[in-house]
Amino acid sequence: MKYFKIIQLPNLPVGGMALFPFLLLKDKNSSLNRQLMNHELIHFRQQIELLIIPFYILYLLNYLINLIRYHNHTKAYRNILFEREAYENDSNLSYLSERRFAAWTTYLRRM
């Protein structure tokens, strides 16, 4: 089931970004990158589970807390619990079919 619209943004500073219901991609070839697409689809699942808006609130709060903790944008971003789930599982292309509901919560315990 395709529940998002792909939008190409050549000036996007990253390869892809999931902003439900849009999947923003730097270029059209990004949609061929299975790992990138899996990463962004993991974010879509997280967003849907949290009914969209709470996801963005938790994402931003987690980033700000991490920024205070690490004093470094990259470390703060990579340690957002939603990003940790996506990065740790984006190479497993069957992850979404095996993933349990709200799997991102296991990353709360690892903070």
N, C-alpha and C. Protein backbone atom coordinates (compact mmCIF):
# COMPACT_ATOMS: atom_id res chain seq x y z
N MET A 1 0.84 -1.18 0.00
CA MET A 1 0.00 0.00 0.00
C MET A 1 0.89 1.24 0.00
N LYS A 2 0.71 2.12 -0.96
CA LYS A 2 1.47 3.36 -1.03
C LYS A 2 0.62 4.47 -0.44
N TYR A 3 1.07 5.01 0.70
CA TYR A 3 0.31 6.03 1.40
C TYR A 3 1.07 7.35 1.47
N PHE A 4 1.95 7.58 0.51
CA PHE A 4 2.72 8.81 0.50
C PHE A 4 2.92 9.28 -0.94
N LYS A 5 3.30 10.54 -1.08
CA LYS A 5 3.58 11.12 -2.38
C LYS A 5 5.05 11.51 -2.40
N ILE A 6 5.76 11.09 -3.43
CA ILE A 6 7.18 11.43 -3.58
C ILE A 6 7.32 12.80 -4.23
N ILE A 7 8.13 13.64 -3.59
CA ILE A 7 8.43 14.97 -4.12
C ILE A 7 9.94 15.09 -4.24
N GLN A 8 10.40 15.49 -5.40
CA GLN A 8 11.83 15.65 -5.64
C GLN A 8 12.24 17.10 -5.32
N LEU A 9 13.24 17.24 -4.45
CA LEU A 9 13.77 18.55 -4.07
C LEU A 9 15.29 18.52 -4.22
N PRO A 10 15.82 19.00 -5.33
CA PRO A 10 17.26 18.93 -5.58
C PRO A 10 18.12 19.62 -4.53
N ASN A 11 17.59 20.60 -3.81
CA ASN A 11 18.37 21.31 -2.79
C ASN A 11 18.25 20.70 -1.40
N LEU A 12 17.58 19.58 -1.29
CA LEU A 12 17.44 18.90 0.00
C LEU A 12 18.84 18.55 0.52
N PRO A 13 19.16 18.89 1.77
CA PRO A 13 20.51 18.64 2.29
C PRO A 13 20.80 17.17 2.61
N VAL A 14 19.80 16.31 2.52
CA VAL A 14 19.96 14.87 2.77
C VAL A 14 19.35 14.11 1.60
N GLY A 15 19.59 12.81 1.54
CA GLY A 15 19.06 12.00 0.45
C GLY A 15 17.55 11.87 0.45
N GLY A 16 16.97 11.83 1.66
CA GLY A 16 15.52 11.69 1.77
C GLY A 16 15.02 12.16 3.12
N MET A 17 13.73 12.47 3.16
CA MET A 17 13.11 12.92 4.40
C MET A 17 11.63 12.54 4.36
N ALA A 18 11.17 11.91 5.42
CA ALA A 18 9.77 11.49 5.51
C ALA A 18 9.00 12.53 6.32
N LEU A 19 8.10 13.22 5.65
CA LEU A 19 7.20 14.18 6.30
C LEU A 19 5.79 13.80 5.87
N PHE A 20 5.22 12.87 6.61
CA PHE A 20 3.94 12.28 6.22
C PHE A 20 2.94 13.34 5.80
N PRO A 21 2.31 13.18 4.65
CA PRO A 21 2.29 12.06 3.72
C PRO A 21 3.26 12.21 2.54
N PHE A 22 4.30 13.01 2.72
CA PHE A 22 5.24 13.26 1.63
C PHE A 22 6.58 12.60 1.92
N LEU A 23 7.17 12.05 0.87
CA LEU A 23 8.53 11.54 0.95
C LEU A 23 9.36 12.46 0.07
N LEU A 24 10.19 13.27 0.71
CA LEU A 24 11.03 14.21 -0.01
C LEU A 24 12.33 13.53 -0.38
N LEU A 25 12.70 13.58 -1.67
CA LEU A 25 13.92 12.95 -2.14
C LEU A 25 14.78 13.98 -2.87
N LYS A 26 16.10 13.88 -2.68
CA LYS A 26 17.03 14.80 -3.31
C LYS A 26 16.98 14.68 -4.83
N ASP A 27 16.89 13.45 -5.33
CA ASP A 27 16.80 13.24 -6.78
C ASP A 27 16.00 11.98 -7.07
N LYS A 28 15.60 11.82 -8.32
CA LYS A 28 14.73 10.69 -8.66
C LYS A 28 15.42 9.34 -8.48
N ASN A 29 16.75 9.30 -8.54
CA ASN A 29 17.47 8.04 -8.34
C ASN A 29 17.44 7.58 -6.89
N SER A 30 17.15 8.50 -5.96
CA SER A 30 17.08 8.13 -4.55
C SER A 30 16.00 7.07 -4.30
N SER A 31 14.95 7.08 -5.09
CA SER A 31 13.88 6.10 -4.90
C SER A 31 14.34 4.69 -5.26
N LEU A 32 15.48 4.58 -5.93
CA LEU A 32 16.04 3.27 -6.27
C LEU A 32 16.95 2.73 -5.17
N ASN A 33 17.30 3.60 -4.23
CA ASN A 33 18.15 3.20 -3.12
C ASN A 33 17.28 2.51 -2.07
N ARG A 34 17.33 1.19 -2.05
CA ARG A 34 16.42 0.41 -1.20
C ARG A 34 16.65 0.67 0.29
N GLN A 35 17.91 0.87 0.67
CA GLN A 35 18.20 1.14 2.08
C GLN A 35 17.64 2.50 2.51
N LEU A 36 17.82 3.51 1.67
CA LEU A 36 17.27 4.84 1.96
C LEU A 36 15.75 4.78 2.04
N MET A 37 15.13 4.11 1.09
CA MET A 37 13.68 4.01 1.08
C MET A 37 13.18 3.27 2.32
N ASN A 38 13.88 2.20 2.72
CA ASN A 38 13.49 1.46 3.92
C ASN A 38 13.61 2.35 5.16
N HIS A 39 14.68 3.13 5.24
CA HIS A 39 14.89 4.05 6.35
C HIS A 39 13.70 5.02 6.46
N GLU A 40 13.33 5.61 5.34
CA GLU A 40 12.23 6.58 5.36
C GLU A 40 10.88 5.91 5.62
N LEU A 41 10.70 4.70 5.15
CA LEU A 41 9.45 3.97 5.42
C LEU A 41 9.33 3.59 6.89
N ILE A 42 10.47 3.34 7.54
CA ILE A 42 10.45 3.11 8.99
C ILE A 42 9.94 4.36 9.68
N HIS A 43 10.40 5.53 9.22
CA HIS A 43 9.90 6.79 9.81
C HIS A 43 8.41 6.97 9.56
N PHE A 44 7.93 6.60 8.38
CA PHE A 44 6.48 6.68 8.13
C PHE A 44 5.72 5.82 9.13
N ARG A 45 6.20 4.62 9.37
CA ARG A 45 5.52 3.74 10.32
C ARG A 45 5.51 4.36 11.71
N GLN A 46 6.64 4.95 12.13
CA GLN A 46 6.71 5.62 13.43
C GLN A 46 5.71 6.76 13.49
N GLN A 47 5.64 7.54 12.43
CA GLN A 47 4.74 8.70 12.38
C GLN A 47 3.28 8.26 12.48
N ILE A 48 2.92 7.22 11.76
CA ILE A 48 1.55 6.71 11.78
C ILE A 48 1.19 6.19 13.17
N GLU A 49 2.12 5.44 13.79
CA GLU A 49 1.86 4.90 15.12
C GLU A 49 1.59 6.01 16.15
N LEU A 50 2.26 7.13 15.98
CA LEU A 50 2.11 8.23 16.93
C LEU A 50 1.11 9.29 16.46
N LEU A 51 0.37 8.96 15.41
CA LEU A 51 -0.66 9.86 14.88
C LEU A 51 -0.07 11.20 14.42
N ILE A 52 1.05 11.14 13.78
CA ILE A 52 1.76 12.22 13.08
C ILE A 52 2.30 13.32 14.01
N ILE A 53 1.45 14.21 14.50
CA ILE A 53 1.91 15.38 15.25
C ILE A 53 2.71 15.01 16.51
N PRO A 54 2.25 14.06 17.33
CA PRO A 54 3.07 13.69 18.50
C PRO A 54 4.46 13.17 18.11
N PHE A 55 4.56 12.53 16.95
CA PHE A 55 5.88 12.08 16.47
C PHE A 55 6.82 13.27 16.34
N TYR A 56 6.36 14.32 15.68
CA TYR A 56 7.22 15.49 15.46
C TYR A 56 7.58 16.18 16.77
N ILE A 57 6.65 16.21 17.71
CA ILE A 57 6.93 16.82 19.02
C ILE A 57 8.00 16.00 19.75
N LEU A 58 7.82 14.68 19.80
CA LEU A 58 8.81 13.82 20.47
C LEU A 58 10.15 13.86 19.76
N TYR A 59 10.13 13.89 18.44
CA TYR A 59 11.36 13.95 17.65
C TYR A 59 12.14 15.21 18.01
N LEU A 60 11.48 16.35 18.01
CA LEU A 60 12.13 17.62 18.31
C LEU A 60 12.62 17.66 19.76
N LEU A 61 11.80 17.22 20.70
CA LEU A 61 12.22 17.20 22.11
C LEU A 61 13.43 16.31 22.31
N ASN A 62 13.42 15.15 21.70
CA ASN A 62 14.54 14.22 21.82
C ASN A 62 15.81 14.84 21.23
N TYR A 63 15.66 15.52 20.09
CA TYR A 63 16.82 16.20 19.48
C TYR A 63 17.36 17.28 20.42
N LEU A 64 16.49 18.11 20.98
CA LEU A 64 16.94 19.20 21.86
C LEU A 64 17.62 18.66 23.12
N ILE A 65 17.07 17.62 23.70
CA ILE A 65 17.71 16.99 24.87
C ILE A 65 19.08 16.45 24.49
N ASN A 66 19.16 15.80 23.32
CA ASN A 66 20.44 15.27 22.86
C ASN A 66 21.44 16.38 22.57
N LEU A 67 20.96 17.50 22.06
CA LEU A 67 21.84 18.62 21.76
C LEU A 67 22.46 19.16 23.06
N ILE A 68 21.66 19.22 24.11
CA ILE A 68 22.19 19.64 25.42
C ILE A 68 23.18 18.60 25.93
N ARG A 69 22.84 17.34 25.76
CA ARG A 69 23.68 16.24 26.25
C ARG A 69 25.02 16.15 25.50
N TYR A 70 24.98 16.24 24.17
CA TYR A 70 26.18 16.00 23.36
C TYR A 70 26.88 17.26 22.85
N HIS A 71 26.20 18.39 22.87
CA HIS A 71 26.76 19.65 22.35
C HIS A 71 27.27 19.50 20.91
N ASN A 72 26.56 18.70 20.14
CA ASN A 72 26.99 18.41 18.77
C ASN A 72 25.75 18.01 17.96
N HIS A 73 25.51 18.72 16.84
CA HIS A 73 24.32 18.45 16.02
C HIS A 73 24.28 17.00 15.53
N THR A 74 25.39 16.53 14.97
CA THR A 74 25.40 15.18 14.38
C THR A 74 25.12 14.11 15.43
N LYS A 75 25.78 14.21 16.58
CA LYS A 75 25.54 13.23 17.65
C LYS A 75 24.11 13.33 18.16
N ALA A 76 23.61 14.56 18.29
CA ALA A 76 22.24 14.75 18.76
C ALA A 76 21.24 14.12 17.80
N TYR A 77 21.44 14.35 16.51
CA TYR A 77 20.55 13.79 15.47
C TYR A 77 20.63 12.27 15.44
N ARG A 78 21.83 11.72 15.42
CA ARG A 78 21.99 10.27 15.29
C ARG A 78 21.47 9.52 16.51
N ASN A 79 21.32 10.22 17.64
CA ASN A 79 20.84 9.57 18.86
C ASN A 79 19.37 9.84 19.15
N ILE A 80 18.67 10.47 18.22
CA ILE A 80 17.21 10.57 18.36
C ILE A 80 16.69 9.14 18.29
N LEU A 81 15.84 8.77 19.23
CA LEU A 81 15.43 7.36 19.29
C LEU A 81 14.81 6.87 17.99
N PHE A 82 14.09 7.73 17.27
CA PHE A 82 13.49 7.32 15.99
C PHE A 82 14.56 7.09 14.93
N GLU A 83 15.60 7.90 14.95
CA GLU A 83 16.71 7.72 14.00
C GLU A 83 17.50 6.47 14.33
N ARG A 84 17.66 6.20 15.61
CA ARG A 84 18.41 4.99 16.00
C ARG A 84 17.71 3.75 15.48
N GLU A 85 16.39 3.70 15.63
CA GLU A 85 15.66 2.54 15.10
C GLU A 85 15.83 2.45 13.59
N ALA A 86 15.68 3.57 12.90
CA ALA A 86 15.76 3.56 11.44
C ALA A 86 17.16 3.20 10.96
N TYR A 87 18.20 3.80 11.54
CA TYR A 87 19.57 3.49 11.10
C TYR A 87 19.97 2.06 11.43
N GLU A 88 19.56 1.55 12.58
CA GLU A 88 19.93 0.19 12.95
C GLU A 88 19.24 -0.87 12.11
N ASN A 89 18.13 -0.51 11.45
CA ASN A 89 17.35 -1.51 10.73
C ASN A 89 17.15 -1.22 9.25
N ASP A 90 17.69 -0.12 8.74
CA ASP A 90 17.40 0.22 7.34
C ASP A 90 18.02 -0.73 6.33
N SER A 91 19.06 -1.47 6.72
CA SER A 91 19.65 -2.43 5.78
C SER A 91 18.89 -3.77 5.78
N ASN A 92 18.02 -3.98 6.75
CA ASN A 92 17.19 -5.18 6.83
C ASN A 92 15.89 -4.90 6.08
N LEU A 93 15.85 -5.29 4.83
CA LEU A 93 14.70 -4.95 3.98
C LEU A 93 13.42 -5.67 4.36
N SER A 94 13.50 -6.64 5.26
CA SER A 94 12.27 -7.30 5.74
C SER A 94 11.87 -6.77 7.12
N TYR A 95 12.57 -5.77 7.61
CA TYR A 95 12.32 -5.26 8.95
C TYR A 95 10.87 -4.81 9.15
N LEU A 96 10.34 -4.05 8.22
CA LEU A 96 8.98 -3.54 8.40
C LEU A 96 7.93 -4.65 8.47
N SER A 97 8.15 -5.72 7.76
CA SER A 97 7.18 -6.83 7.82
C SER A 97 7.30 -7.62 9.12
N GLU A 98 8.45 -7.53 9.79
CA GLU A 98 8.70 -8.25 11.04
C GLU A 98 8.54 -7.35 12.27
N ARG A 99 8.54 -6.08 12.06
CA ARG A 99 8.57 -5.09 13.15
C ARG A 99 7.30 -5.15 13.97
N ARG A 100 7.48 -5.12 15.29
CA ARG A 100 6.31 -5.08 16.16
C ARG A 100 5.84 -3.63 16.32
N PHE A 101 4.60 -3.46 16.71
CA PHE A 101 4.03 -2.13 16.89
C PHE A 101 4.84 -1.35 17.93
N ALA A 102 5.13 -0.09 17.61
CA ALA A 102 5.86 0.83 18.51
C ALA A 102 7.23 0.29 18.91
N ALA A 103 7.90 -0.34 17.99
CA ALA A 103 9.24 -0.88 18.26
C ALA A 103 10.22 0.21 18.69
N TRP A 104 9.95 1.44 18.31
CA TRP A 104 10.82 2.55 18.69
C TRP A 104 10.93 2.71 20.21
N THR A 105 9.94 2.20 20.95
CA THR A 105 9.98 2.35 22.41
C THR A 105 11.14 1.59 23.05
N THR A 106 11.64 0.56 22.39
CA THR A 106 12.79 -0.18 22.95
C THR A 106 14.02 0.72 23.00
N TYR A 107 14.05 1.76 22.19
CA TYR A 107 15.20 2.68 22.16
C TYR A 107 15.13 3.68 23.31
N LEU A 108 13.99 3.78 23.97
CA LEU A 108 13.89 4.61 25.18
C LEU A 108 14.76 4.05 26.29
N ARG A 109 14.82 2.74 26.37
CA ARG A 109 15.59 2.08 27.43
C ARG A 109 17.09 2.20 27.21
N ARG A 110 17.48 2.50 25.99
CA ARG A 110 18.91 2.58 25.66
C ARG A 110 19.44 4.01 25.70
N MET A 111 18.67 4.92 26.23
CA MET A 111 19.11 6.32 26.25
C MET A 111 20.08 6.59 27.37
